[in-house]
Amino acid sequence: MFFDLENKPFDIEKFASAIPTDYVKTLLCNYSRQSNYFSCATASLAIVLNTIKFDKKFKITDKELISSAPVKKWSTRFTEKGDNGVWGITLDELAEMTKSIFKYFNFENLIISTCKIKNDNKSKNKIITTLNTLNDEFFLIANFISNFGIGHFSPIAGYNKEHDSILVLDTFHSEPYWVTMNAFMQGLASKDGNSYRGFLTISHKQ
């Protein structure tokens, strides 16, 4: 099956108006799709990196991040070749890669954290608190089960309390989309091997 992964223009204002902050609009301006079926992690990091530096003339690409992966076998997992039948990385591996990649691009003063999610009220409260904290110095990349039944990474732009919905900058889709909190919780509270999925946060002080 073939999917067109080219970047296509979309109505940024349509999404930004639901969460009217400069941070969300800047994040949307840096939204880009993954370069192949397996590079959602590096595409997510590229969106965050480009949002932090926001240089319209120079964009970091997920292909560049693939070649910069700190572990050689991870670079292979982000391609069709894979590594002995394994593609992609886990949430904990993404945290390790994020620290290395940000250091490679000379970003300091970082706090990288992961949170494993179960489908319960404690986890829901944690998600809402984190979503309400998002700003131009605090980012969230979600790790969830996709509609294709495989693990996926994508940045989250924000939370609309009125509709109890999350704006997902899905690196596989042609434009962002809204998902209900319940659906979001179910996607996060899925298992990757013996461990739950969840989300990664990146706190960056200018």
C-alpha atoms as a PDB file:
ATOM      1  CA  MET A   1       0.000   0.000   0.000  1.00  0.00           C
ATOM      2  CA  PHE A   2       1.346   3.439  -0.931  1.00  0.00           C
ATOM      3  CA  PHE A   3       0.907   6.590   1.135  1.00  0.00           C
ATOM      4  CA  ASP A   4       1.903  10.032  -0.059  1.00  0.00           C
ATOM      5  CA  LEU A   5       4.191  11.506   2.610  1.00  0.00           C
ATOM      6  CA  GLU A   6       4.833  14.831   0.882  1.00  0.00           C
ATOM      7  CA  ASN A   7       4.180  17.963   2.939  1.00  0.00           C
ATOM      8  CA  LYS A   8       1.027  19.770   1.819  1.00  0.00           C
ATOM      9  CA  PRO A   9      -0.337  23.181   2.837  1.00  0.00           C
ATOM     10  CA  PHE A  10      -3.206  23.326   5.327  1.00  0.00           C
ATOM     11  CA  ASP A  11      -5.216  26.024   7.068  1.00  0.00           C
ATOM     12  CA  ILE A  12      -3.095  26.904  10.104  1.00  0.00           C
ATOM     13  CA  GLU A  13      -5.582  29.478  11.410  1.00  0.00           C
ATOM     14  CA  LYS A  14      -8.347  26.866  11.517  1.00  0.00           C
ATOM     15  CA  PHE A  15      -6.434  24.948  14.180  1.00  0.00           C
ATOM     16  CA  ALA A  16      -4.653  27.848  15.907  1.00  0.00           C
ATOM     17  CA  SER A  17      -7.930  29.679  16.586  1.00  0.00           C
ATOM     18  CA  ALA A  18      -9.101  26.869  18.889  1.00  0.00           C
ATOM     19  CA  ILE A  19      -6.035  27.332  21.119  1.00  0.00           C
ATOM     20  CA  PRO A  20      -5.146  31.024  20.640  1.00  0.00           C
ATOM     21  CA  THR A  21      -1.515  31.193  21.751  1.00  0.00           C
ATOM     22  CA  ASP A  22       1.615  32.210  19.831  1.00  0.00           C
ATOM     23  CA  TYR A  23       3.201  28.915  20.846  1.00  0.00           C
ATOM     24  CA  VAL A  24       0.562  26.798  19.091  1.00  0.00           C
ATOM     25  CA  LYS A  25       0.740  28.858  15.910  1.00  0.00           C
ATOM     26  CA  THR A  26       4.540  28.603  15.804  1.00  0.00           C
ATOM     27  CA  LEU A  27       4.346  24.853  16.366  1.00  0.00           C
ATOM     28  CA  LEU A  28       1.814  24.528  13.541  1.00  0.00           C
ATOM     29  CA  CYS A  29       4.067  26.567  11.234  1.00  0.00           C
ATOM     30  CA  ASN A  30       6.813  23.999  11.810  1.00  0.00           C
ATOM     31  CA  TYR A  31       4.594  20.969  11.292  1.00  0.00           C
ATOM     32  CA  SER A  32       6.101  18.531   8.795  1.00  0.00           C
ATOM     33  CA  ARG A  33       5.532  14.934   7.874  1.00  0.00           C
ATOM     34  CA  GLN A  34       7.846  12.000   8.349  1.00  0.00           C
ATOM     35  CA  SER A  35      10.047  11.150   5.362  1.00  0.00           C
ATOM     36  CA  ASN A  36       9.244   7.423   5.445  1.00  0.00           C
ATOM     37  CA  TYR A  37       6.966   4.966   7.227  1.00  0.00           C
ATOM     38  CA  PHE A  38       9.311   4.481  10.180  1.00  0.00           C
ATOM     39  CA  SER A  39      10.631   7.968  11.018  1.00  0.00           C
ATOM     40  CA  CYS A  40       7.814   9.363  13.185  1.00  0.00           C
ATOM     41  CA  ALA A  41      10.172   9.773  16.174  1.00  0.00           C
ATOM     42  CA  THR A  42      12.737  11.834  14.276  1.00  0.00           C
ATOM     43  CA  ALA A  43       9.985  13.829  12.506  1.00  0.00           C
ATOM     44  CA  SER A  44       8.487  14.693  15.916  1.00  0.00           C
ATOM     45  CA  LEU A  45      11.860  15.859  17.224  1.00  0.00           C
ATOM     46  CA  ALA A  46      12.404  17.954  14.090  1.00  0.00           C
ATOM     47  CA  ILE A  47       9.105  19.779  14.669  1.00  0.00           C
ATOM     48  CA  VAL A  48      10.062  20.611  18.253  1.00  0.00           C
ATOM     49  CA  LEU A  49      13.609  21.667  17.351  1.00  0.00           C
ATOM     50  CA  ASN A  50      12.387  23.928  14.547  1.00  0.00           C
ATOM     51  CA  THR A  51       9.784  25.466  16.847  1.00  0.00           C
ATOM     52  CA  ILE A  52      12.399  26.282  19.479  1.00  0.00           C
ATOM     53  CA  LYS A  53      14.795  27.969  17.073  1.00  0.00           C
ATOM     54  CA  PHE A  54      12.100  29.123  14.586  1.00  0.00           C
ATOM     55  CA  ASP A  55      14.447  29.942  11.721  1.00  0.00           C
ATOM     56  CA  LYS A  56      12.357  30.216   8.560  1.00  0.00           C
ATOM     57  CA  LYS A  57      15.454  30.043   6.359  1.00  0.00           C
ATOM     58  CA  PHE A  58      16.853  26.825   7.794  1.00  0.00           C
ATOM     59  CA  LYS A  59      14.818  23.790   8.782  1.00  0.00           C
ATOM     60  CA  ILE A  60      16.103  20.701  10.530  1.00  0.00           C
ATOM     61  CA  THR A  61      14.731  17.614   8.777  1.00  0.00           C
ATOM     62  CA  ASP A  62      13.966  14.180  10.135  1.00  0.00           C
ATOM     63  CA  LYS A  63      16.437  12.744   7.591  1.00  0.00           C
ATOM     64  CA  GLU A  64      19.175  14.802   9.226  1.00  0.00           C
ATOM     65  CA  LEU A  65      18.163  13.491  12.646  1.00  0.00           C
ATOM     66  CA  ILE A  66      18.154   9.896  11.407  1.00  0.00           C
ATOM     67  CA  SER A  67      21.799  10.231  10.432  1.00  0.00           C
ATOM     68  CA  SER A  68      22.522  11.885  13.811  1.00  0.00           C
ATOM     69  CA  ALA A  69      21.017   9.090  15.931  1.00  0.00           C
ATOM     70  CA  PRO A  70      23.366   8.271  18.844  1.00  0.00           C
ATOM     71  CA  VAL A  71      23.011   4.499  18.361  1.00  0.00           C
ATOM     72  CA  LYS A  72      23.779   3.166  14.886  1.00  0.00           C
ATOM     73  CA  LYS A  73      21.073   0.497  14.943  1.00  0.00           C
ATOM     74  CA  TRP A  74      18.470   3.197  15.698  1.00  0.00           C
ATOM     75  CA  SER A  75      19.334   4.932  12.426  1.00  0.00           C
ATOM     76  CA  THR A  76      18.652   1.652  10.645  1.00  0.00           C
ATOM     77  CA  ARG A  77      15.358   1.190  12.495  1.00  0.00           C
ATOM     78  CA  PHE A  78      14.150   4.516  11.072  1.00  0.00           C
ATOM     79  CA  THR A  79      14.440   3.127   7.534  1.00  0.00           C
ATOM     80  CA  GLU A  80      12.715   0.379   5.582  1.00  0.00           C
ATOM     81  CA  LYS A  81      15.732  -1.864   6.198  1.00  0.00           C
ATOM     82  CA  GLY A  82      15.108  -2.117   9.933  1.00  0.00           C
ATOM     83  CA  ASP A  83      17.380  -3.835  12.442  1.00  0.00           C
ATOM     84  CA  ASN A  84      16.910  -7.606  12.514  1.00  0.00           C
ATOM     85  CA  GLY A  85      13.174  -7.263  12.031  1.00  0.00           C
ATOM     86  CA  VAL A  86      12.798  -4.308  14.429  1.00  0.00           C
ATOM     87  CA  TRP A  87      11.649  -0.833  13.350  1.00  0.00           C
ATOM     88  CA  GLY A  88      11.329   2.358  15.354  1.00  0.00           C
ATOM     89  CA  ILE A  89      12.279   2.961  18.992  1.00  0.00           C
ATOM     90  CA  THR A  90      10.625   2.825  22.400  1.00  0.00           C
ATOM     91  CA  LEU A  91       9.601   5.790  24.546  1.00  0.00           C
ATOM     92  CA  ASP A  92      12.642   5.340  26.796  1.00  0.00           C
ATOM     93  CA  GLU A  93      14.937   5.152  23.762  1.00  0.00           C
ATOM     94  CA  LEU A  94      13.367   8.357  22.419  1.00  0.00           C
ATOM     95  CA  ALA A  95      14.247  10.100  25.695  1.00  0.00           C
ATOM     96  CA  GLU A  96      17.872   9.019  25.345  1.00  0.00           C
ATOM     97  CA  MET A  97      17.934  10.079  21.695  1.00  0.00           C
ATOM     98  CA  THR A  98      16.362  13.463  22.490  1.00  0.00           C
ATOM     99  CA  LYS A  99      19.116  14.299  24.965  1.00  0.00           C
ATOM    100  CA  SER A 100      21.770  13.378  22.415  1.00  0.00           C
ATOM    101  CA  ILE A 101      20.140  15.197  19.483  1.00  0.00           C
ATOM    102  CA  PHE A 102      19.550  18.427  21.407  1.00  0.00           C
ATOM    103  CA  LYS A 103      23.163  18.358  22.582  1.00  0.00           C
ATOM    104  CA  TYR A 104      24.279  17.819  18.972  1.00  0.00           C
ATOM    105  CA  PHE A 105      22.443  21.008  17.961  1.00  0.00           C
ATOM    106  CA  ASN A 106      23.878  22.932  20.930  1.00  0.00           C
ATOM    107  CA  PHE A 107      20.664  23.184  22.933  1.00  0.00           C
ATOM    108  CA  GLU A 108      21.353  23.237  26.659  1.00  0.00           C
ATOM    109  CA  ASN A 109      19.314  23.646  29.861  1.00  0.00           C
ATOM    110  CA  LEU A 110      17.050  20.740  28.972  1.00  0.00           C
ATOM    111  CA  ILE A 111      14.867  18.590  31.182  1.00  0.00           C
ATOM    112  CA  ILE A 112      13.682  15.416  29.426  1.00  0.00           C
ATOM    113  CA  SER A 113      11.030  13.302  31.159  1.00  0.00           C
ATOM    114  CA  THR A 114       8.871  10.336  30.250  1.00  0.00           C
ATOM    115  CA  CYS A 115       5.525   9.303  31.693  1.00  0.00           C
ATOM    116  CA  LYS A 116       3.993   5.855  31.194  1.00  0.00           C
ATOM    117  CA  ILE A 117       0.193   5.974  31.025  1.00  0.00           C
ATOM    118  CA  LYS A 118      -2.514   3.609  32.233  1.00  0.00           C
ATOM    119  CA  ASN A 119      -6.189   4.138  31.464  1.00  0.00           C
ATOM    120  CA  ASP A 120      -7.181   5.463  34.909  1.00  0.00           C
ATOM    121  CA  ASN A 121      -8.099   8.777  36.565  1.00  0.00           C
ATOM    122  CA  LYS A 122      -4.608   9.336  37.961  1.00  0.00           C
ATOM    123  CA  SER A 123      -3.122   9.166  34.476  1.00  0.00           C
ATOM    124  CA  LYS A 124      -5.879  11.351  33.031  1.00  0.00           C
ATOM    125  CA  ASN A 125      -5.226  14.065  35.604  1.00  0.00           C
ATOM    126  CA  LYS A 126      -1.508  13.862  34.859  1.00  0.00           C
ATOM    127  CA  ILE A 127      -2.164  14.287  31.125  1.00  0.00           C
ATOM    128  CA  ILE A 128      -4.489  17.276  31.596  1.00  0.00           C
ATOM    129  CA  THR A 129      -2.037  18.985  33.961  1.00  0.00           C
ATOM    130  CA  THR A 130       0.783  18.461  31.470  1.00  0.00           C
ATOM    131  CA  LEU A 131      -1.287  19.640  28.491  1.00  0.00           C
ATOM    132  CA  ASN A 132      -2.206  22.831  30.334  1.00  0.00           C
ATOM    133  CA  THR A 133       1.507  23.507  30.875  1.00  0.00           C
ATOM    134  CA  LEU A 134       2.505  23.447  27.187  1.00  0.00           C
ATOM    135  CA  ASN A 135       4.228  26.618  25.986  1.00  0.00           C
ATOM    136  CA  ASP A 136       7.214  27.745  23.911  1.00  0.00           C
ATOM    137  CA  GLU A 137       9.576  26.261  26.501  1.00  0.00           C
ATOM    138  CA  PHE A 138       7.676  23.063  27.280  1.00  0.00           C
ATOM    139  CA  PHE A 139       6.765  20.451  24.654  1.00  0.00           C
ATOM    140  CA  LEU A 140       5.067  17.062  24.610  1.00  0.00           C
ATOM    141  CA  ILE A 141       5.573  14.160  22.204  1.00  0.00           C
ATOM    142  CA  ALA A 142       2.963  11.421  22.554  1.00  0.00           C
ATOM    143  CA  ASN A 143       3.675   7.720  22.079  1.00  0.00           C
ATOM    144  CA  PHE A 144       0.461   5.926  21.165  1.00  0.00           C
ATOM    145  CA  ILE A 145      -0.965   3.011  19.209  1.00  0.00           C
ATOM    146  CA  SER A 146      -1.961   4.165  15.720  1.00  0.00           C
ATOM    147  CA  ASN A 147      -4.998   3.222  13.650  1.00  0.00           C
ATOM    148  CA  PHE A 148      -2.747   0.700  11.918  1.00  0.00           C
ATOM    149  CA  GLY A 149      -2.157  -1.123  15.201  1.00  0.00           C
ATOM    150  CA  ILE A 150       1.503  -0.100  15.540  1.00  0.00           C
ATOM    151  CA  GLY A 151       3.330   2.296  17.838  1.00  0.00           C
ATOM    152  CA  HIS A 152       3.596   5.912  16.743  1.00  0.00           C
ATOM    153  CA  PHE A 153       5.084   9.240  17.903  1.00  0.00           C
ATOM    154  CA  SER A 154       3.713  12.732  17.288  1.00  0.00           C
ATOM    155  CA  PRO A 155       3.905  16.129  19.008  1.00  0.00           C
ATOM    156  CA  ILE A 156       0.834  17.509  20.775  1.00  0.00           C
ATOM    157  CA  ALA A 157      -0.080  21.151  20.135  1.00  0.00           C
ATOM    158  CA  GLY A 158      -2.559  21.636  22.958  1.00  0.00           C
ATOM    159  CA  TYR A 159      -5.796  20.868  24.747  1.00  0.00           C
ATOM    160  CA  ASN A 160      -9.228  22.388  24.213  1.00  0.00           C
ATOM    161  CA  LYS A 161     -11.045  22.099  27.532  1.00  0.00           C
ATOM    162  CA  GLU A 162     -14.461  23.045  26.125  1.00  0.00           C
ATOM    163  CA  HIS A 163     -14.469  20.058  23.769  1.00  0.00           C
ATOM    164  CA  ASP A 164     -12.186  17.865  25.911  1.00  0.00           C
ATOM    165  CA  SER A 165     -10.027  17.315  22.828  1.00  0.00           C
ATOM    166  CA  ILE A 166      -6.318  17.203  22.005  1.00  0.00           C
ATOM    167  CA  LEU A 167      -4.702  18.654  18.877  1.00  0.00           C
ATOM    168  CA  VAL A 168      -2.321  16.045  17.440  1.00  0.00           C
ATOM    169  CA  LEU A 169       0.384  17.048  14.968  1.00  0.00           C
ATOM    170  CA  ASP A 170       0.433  13.559  13.506  1.00  0.00           C
ATOM    171  CA  THR A 171       3.585  13.184  11.430  1.00  0.00           C
ATOM    172  CA  PHE A 172       1.914  10.586   9.190  1.00  0.00           C
ATOM    173  CA  HIS A 173      -1.158  12.634   8.238  1.00  0.00           C
ATOM    174  CA  SER A 174      -1.400  15.484   5.748  1.00  0.00           C
ATOM    175  CA  GLU A 175      -2.589  17.875   8.473  1.00  0.00           C
ATOM    176  CA  PRO A 176      -3.136  17.940  12.256  1.00  0.00           C
ATOM    177  CA  TYR A 177      -6.372  16.601  13.731  1.00  0.00           C
ATOM    178  CA  TRP A 178      -8.412  16.628  16.936  1.00  0.00           C
ATOM    179  CA  VAL A 179      -8.921  13.547  19.087  1.00  0.00           C
ATOM    180  CA  THR A 180     -11.082  13.178  22.194  1.00  0.00           C
ATOM    181  CA  MET A 181      -9.435  12.744  25.575  1.00  0.00           C
ATOM    182  CA  ASN A 182     -10.864   9.218  25.902  1.00  0.00           C
ATOM    183  CA  ALA A 183      -9.445   8.148  22.547  1.00  0.00           C
ATOM    184  CA  PHE A 184      -6.127   9.794  23.394  1.00  0.00           C
ATOM    185  CA  MET A 185      -5.969   7.955  26.720  1.00  0.00           C
ATOM    186  CA  GLN A 186      -6.654   4.608  25.067  1.00  0.00           C
ATOM    187  CA  GLY A 187      -3.896   5.216  22.538  1.00  0.00           C
ATOM    188  CA  LEU A 188      -1.345   6.108  25.219  1.00  0.00           C
ATOM    189  CA  ALA A 189      -2.371   3.323  27.611  1.00  0.00           C
ATOM    190  CA  SER A 190      -1.307   0.602  25.172  1.00  0.00           C
ATOM    191  CA  LYS A 191       1.638  -1.731  25.603  1.00  0.00           C
ATOM    192  CA  ASP A 192       4.947  -1.719  23.785  1.00  0.00           C
ATOM    193  CA  GLY A 193       6.297  -5.119  24.759  1.00  0.00           C
ATOM    194  CA  ASN A 194       6.112  -5.313  28.547  1.00  0.00           C
ATOM    195  CA  SER A 195       5.955  -1.555  29.087  1.00  0.00           C
ATOM    196  CA  TYR A 196       3.149   0.963  28.667  1.00  0.00           C
ATOM    197  CA  ARG A 197       3.371   3.776  26.164  1.00  0.00           C
ATOM    198  CA  GLY A 198       2.787   7.373  27.251  1.00  0.00           C
ATOM    199  CA  PHE A 199       4.512  10.646  26.502  1.00  0.00           C
ATOM    200  CA  LEU A 200       7.804  12.486  26.597  1.00  0.00           C
ATOM    201  CA  THR A 201       8.174  16.102  27.709  1.00  0.00           C
ATOM    202  CA  ILE A 202      10.942  18.487  26.725  1.00  0.00           C
ATOM    203  CA  SER A 203      11.509  21.506  28.944  1.00  0.00           C
ATOM    204  CA  HIS A 204      13.826  24.039  27.368  1.00  0.00           C
ATOM    205  CA  LYS A 205      14.925  27.295  28.992  1.00  0.00           C
ATOM    206  CA  GLN A 206      15.974  30.045  26.588  1.00  0.00           C
END
